[in-house]
Amino acid sequence: MIANLMWPSVFNDAKYLQSLLLIVVMVMFTIGYAYLTYQENKIGSMLVWPYIAWVSFAGIINTAYYLNA
């Protein structure tokens, strides 16, 4: 949650490598949550899958910014 709150300010300051690392952390923690809760709460786990896809897409865009900045 903290990484999610930090990301916009880091990205808007044009610190693209740091914001990319924050996205990697967000994706890793969210995948970990989805994996650990899947057996007990399949619906709760599946509800975060679109968020994982969205953050991964943001990571692709962030990588493009980093490579072209």
N, C-alpha and C. Protein backbone atom coordinates (compact mmCIF):
# COMPACT_ATOMS: atom_id res chain seq x y z
N MET A 1 0.82 -1.18 0.00
CA MET A 1 0.00 0.00 0.00
C MET A 1 0.87 1.26 0.00
N ILE A 2 1.95 1.23 0.75
CA ILE A 2 2.83 2.39 0.81
C ILE A 2 3.48 2.63 -0.56
N ALA A 3 3.91 1.55 -1.21
CA ALA A 3 4.51 1.70 -2.54
C ALA A 3 3.49 2.26 -3.52
N ASN A 4 2.25 1.84 -3.39
CA ASN A 4 1.18 2.34 -4.27
C ASN A 4 0.96 3.84 -4.06
N LEU A 5 1.05 4.29 -2.82
CA LEU A 5 0.87 5.71 -2.54
C LEU A 5 2.09 6.54 -2.96
N MET A 6 3.27 5.95 -2.93
CA MET A 6 4.49 6.66 -3.28
C MET A 6 4.66 6.80 -4.79
N TRP A 7 4.13 5.86 -5.57
CA TRP A 7 4.43 5.79 -6.99
C TRP A 7 4.11 7.08 -7.76
N PRO A 8 2.91 7.68 -7.61
CA PRO A 8 2.63 8.88 -8.43
C PRO A 8 3.61 10.02 -8.21
N SER A 9 3.99 10.26 -6.97
CA SER A 9 4.91 11.38 -6.73
C SER A 9 6.29 11.09 -7.30
N VAL A 10 6.74 9.84 -7.24
CA VAL A 10 8.04 9.48 -7.80
C VAL A 10 8.00 9.57 -9.32
N PHE A 11 6.93 9.07 -9.93
CA PHE A 11 6.81 9.11 -11.38
C PHE A 11 6.70 10.55 -11.88
N ASN A 12 5.92 11.38 -11.20
CA ASN A 12 5.75 12.77 -11.61
C ASN A 12 7.02 13.60 -11.45
N ASP A 13 7.93 13.14 -10.61
CA ASP A 13 9.23 13.82 -10.47
C ASP A 13 10.23 13.34 -11.51
N ALA A 14 9.78 12.56 -12.47
CA ALA A 14 10.60 12.02 -13.57
C ALA A 14 11.73 11.13 -13.06
N LYS A 15 11.48 10.43 -11.99
CA LYS A 15 12.42 9.43 -11.49
C LYS A 15 11.92 8.07 -11.97
N TYR A 16 12.12 7.82 -13.25
CA TYR A 16 11.48 6.68 -13.91
C TYR A 16 12.04 5.34 -13.45
N LEU A 17 13.31 5.26 -13.15
CA LEU A 17 13.86 3.99 -12.66
C LEU A 17 13.31 3.67 -11.28
N GLN A 18 13.25 4.65 -10.41
CA GLN A 18 12.71 4.41 -9.08
C GLN A 18 11.23 4.05 -9.14
N SER A 19 10.49 4.71 -10.00
CA SER A 19 9.07 4.38 -10.11
C SER A 19 8.87 2.99 -10.71
N LEU A 20 9.76 2.58 -11.62
CA LEU A 20 9.69 1.23 -12.16
C LEU A 20 9.96 0.19 -11.08
N LEU A 21 10.93 0.47 -10.23
CA LEU A 21 11.21 -0.45 -9.12
C LEU A 21 10.03 -0.53 -8.15
N LEU A 22 9.36 0.59 -7.93
CA LEU A 22 8.16 0.57 -7.08
C LEU A 22 7.06 -0.28 -7.72
N ILE A 23 6.92 -0.20 -9.02
CA ILE A 23 5.92 -1.02 -9.71
C ILE A 23 6.25 -2.50 -9.57
N VAL A 24 7.52 -2.84 -9.68
CA VAL A 24 7.92 -4.24 -9.50
C VAL A 24 7.56 -4.71 -8.10
N VAL A 25 7.81 -3.87 -7.10
CA VAL A 25 7.46 -4.22 -5.72
C VAL A 25 5.94 -4.38 -5.58
N MET A 26 5.17 -3.47 -6.17
CA MET A 26 3.71 -3.57 -6.09
C MET A 26 3.21 -4.85 -6.74
N VAL A 27 3.75 -5.20 -7.90
CA VAL A 27 3.31 -6.41 -8.58
C VAL A 27 3.69 -7.65 -7.77
N MET A 28 4.90 -7.66 -7.24
CA MET A 28 5.33 -8.82 -6.45
C MET A 28 4.46 -9.04 -5.22
N PHE A 29 4.17 -7.96 -4.48
CA PHE A 29 3.34 -8.09 -3.30
C PHE A 29 1.90 -8.48 -3.65
N THR A 30 1.39 -7.94 -4.74
CA THR A 30 0.02 -8.27 -5.14
C THR A 30 -0.08 -9.71 -5.62
N ILE A 31 0.90 -10.17 -6.37
CA ILE A 31 0.91 -11.58 -6.79
C ILE A 31 1.03 -12.48 -5.57
N GLY A 32 1.87 -12.09 -4.63
CA GLY A 32 2.00 -12.86 -3.39
C GLY A 32 0.68 -12.94 -2.64
N TYR A 33 -0.02 -11.81 -2.55
CA TYR A 33 -1.33 -11.81 -1.90
C TYR A 33 -2.31 -12.72 -2.63
N ALA A 34 -2.36 -12.60 -3.96
CA ALA A 34 -3.29 -13.42 -4.74
C ALA A 34 -2.98 -14.90 -4.57
N TYR A 35 -1.71 -15.25 -4.54
CA TYR A 35 -1.29 -16.65 -4.40
C TYR A 35 -1.64 -17.18 -3.00
N LEU A 36 -1.32 -16.39 -1.98
CA LEU A 36 -1.53 -16.87 -0.61
C LEU A 36 -3.01 -16.95 -0.23
N THR A 37 -3.85 -16.16 -0.82
CA THR A 37 -5.27 -16.17 -0.47
C THR A 37 -6.12 -17.03 -1.40
N TYR A 38 -5.54 -17.57 -2.44
CA TYR A 38 -6.35 -18.28 -3.44
C TYR A 38 -7.07 -19.50 -2.85
N GLN A 39 -6.40 -20.28 -2.02
CA GLN A 39 -7.01 -21.50 -1.48
C GLN A 39 -8.18 -21.17 -0.55
N GLU A 40 -8.04 -20.13 0.26
CA GLU A 40 -9.08 -19.81 1.24
C GLU A 40 -10.15 -18.87 0.68
N ASN A 41 -9.77 -18.00 -0.25
CA ASN A 41 -10.69 -16.99 -0.75
C ASN A 41 -10.45 -16.78 -2.24
N LYS A 42 -10.98 -17.68 -3.03
CA LYS A 42 -10.74 -17.63 -4.48
C LYS A 42 -11.27 -16.35 -5.10
N ILE A 43 -12.43 -15.91 -4.69
CA ILE A 43 -13.00 -14.69 -5.27
C ILE A 43 -12.15 -13.48 -4.90
N GLY A 44 -11.73 -13.40 -3.65
CA GLY A 44 -10.88 -12.30 -3.23
C GLY A 44 -9.56 -12.28 -3.98
N SER A 45 -9.02 -13.45 -4.23
CA SER A 45 -7.79 -13.55 -5.00
C SER A 45 -8.02 -13.12 -6.44
N MET A 46 -9.10 -13.58 -7.02
CA MET A 46 -9.37 -13.27 -8.42
C MET A 46 -9.72 -11.79 -8.63
N LEU A 47 -10.19 -11.13 -7.60
CA LEU A 47 -10.53 -9.72 -7.73
C LEU A 47 -9.29 -8.83 -7.88
N VAL A 48 -8.13 -9.31 -7.45
CA VAL A 48 -6.91 -8.50 -7.60
C VAL A 48 -6.19 -8.80 -8.91
N TRP A 49 -6.61 -9.79 -9.66
CA TRP A 49 -5.96 -10.10 -10.94
C TRP A 49 -6.04 -8.94 -11.92
N PRO A 50 -7.18 -8.26 -12.07
CA PRO A 50 -7.19 -7.09 -12.97
C PRO A 50 -6.24 -5.99 -12.49
N TYR A 51 -6.10 -5.84 -11.18
CA TYR A 51 -5.17 -4.84 -10.65
C TYR A 51 -3.73 -5.21 -11.02
N ILE A 52 -3.41 -6.49 -10.95
CA ILE A 52 -2.07 -6.95 -11.35
C ILE A 52 -1.84 -6.62 -12.82
N ALA A 53 -2.84 -6.87 -13.65
CA ALA A 53 -2.72 -6.56 -15.08
C ALA A 53 -2.54 -5.06 -15.30
N TRP A 54 -3.31 -4.25 -14.58
CA TRP A 54 -3.25 -2.80 -14.73
C TRP A 54 -1.88 -2.27 -14.30
N VAL A 55 -1.38 -2.74 -13.16
CA VAL A 55 -0.08 -2.27 -12.68
C VAL A 55 1.03 -2.76 -13.61
N SER A 56 0.89 -3.95 -14.16
CA SER A 56 1.88 -4.44 -15.13
C SER A 56 1.88 -3.58 -16.38
N PHE A 57 0.71 -3.17 -16.83
CA PHE A 57 0.62 -2.27 -17.98
C PHE A 57 1.28 -0.93 -17.66
N ALA A 58 1.04 -0.42 -16.44
CA ALA A 58 1.71 0.81 -16.02
C ALA A 58 3.23 0.62 -16.01
N GLY A 59 3.67 -0.58 -15.67
CA GLY A 59 5.11 -0.89 -15.71
C GLY A 59 5.66 -0.83 -17.12
N ILE A 60 4.89 -1.30 -18.08
CA ILE A 60 5.32 -1.24 -19.48
C ILE A 60 5.44 0.22 -19.93
N ILE A 61 4.45 1.02 -19.58
CA ILE A 61 4.51 2.44 -19.94
C ILE A 61 5.68 3.12 -19.24
N ASN A 62 5.88 2.79 -17.97
CA ASN A 62 6.98 3.37 -17.20
C ASN A 62 8.32 2.99 -17.82
N THR A 63 8.45 1.75 -18.28
CA THR A 63 9.68 1.30 -18.93
C THR A 63 9.93 2.09 -20.21
N ALA A 64 8.88 2.36 -20.96
CA ALA A 64 9.03 3.16 -22.18
C ALA A 64 9.51 4.57 -21.85
N TYR A 65 8.97 5.17 -20.80
CA TYR A 65 9.43 6.47 -20.36
C TYR A 65 10.91 6.41 -19.97
N TYR A 66 11.27 5.38 -19.21
CA TYR A 66 12.66 5.25 -18.74
C TYR A 66 13.63 5.09 -19.91
N LEU A 67 13.25 4.29 -20.89
CA LEU A 67 14.16 4.03 -22.02
C LEU A 67 14.26 5.23 -22.97
N ASN A 68 13.24 6.07 -23.01
CA ASN A 68 13.22 7.20 -23.92
C ASN A 68 13.51 8.54 -23.27
N ALA A 69 13.77 8.54 -21.96
CA ALA A 69 14.02 9.82 -21.27
C ALA A 69 15.49 10.19 -21.29
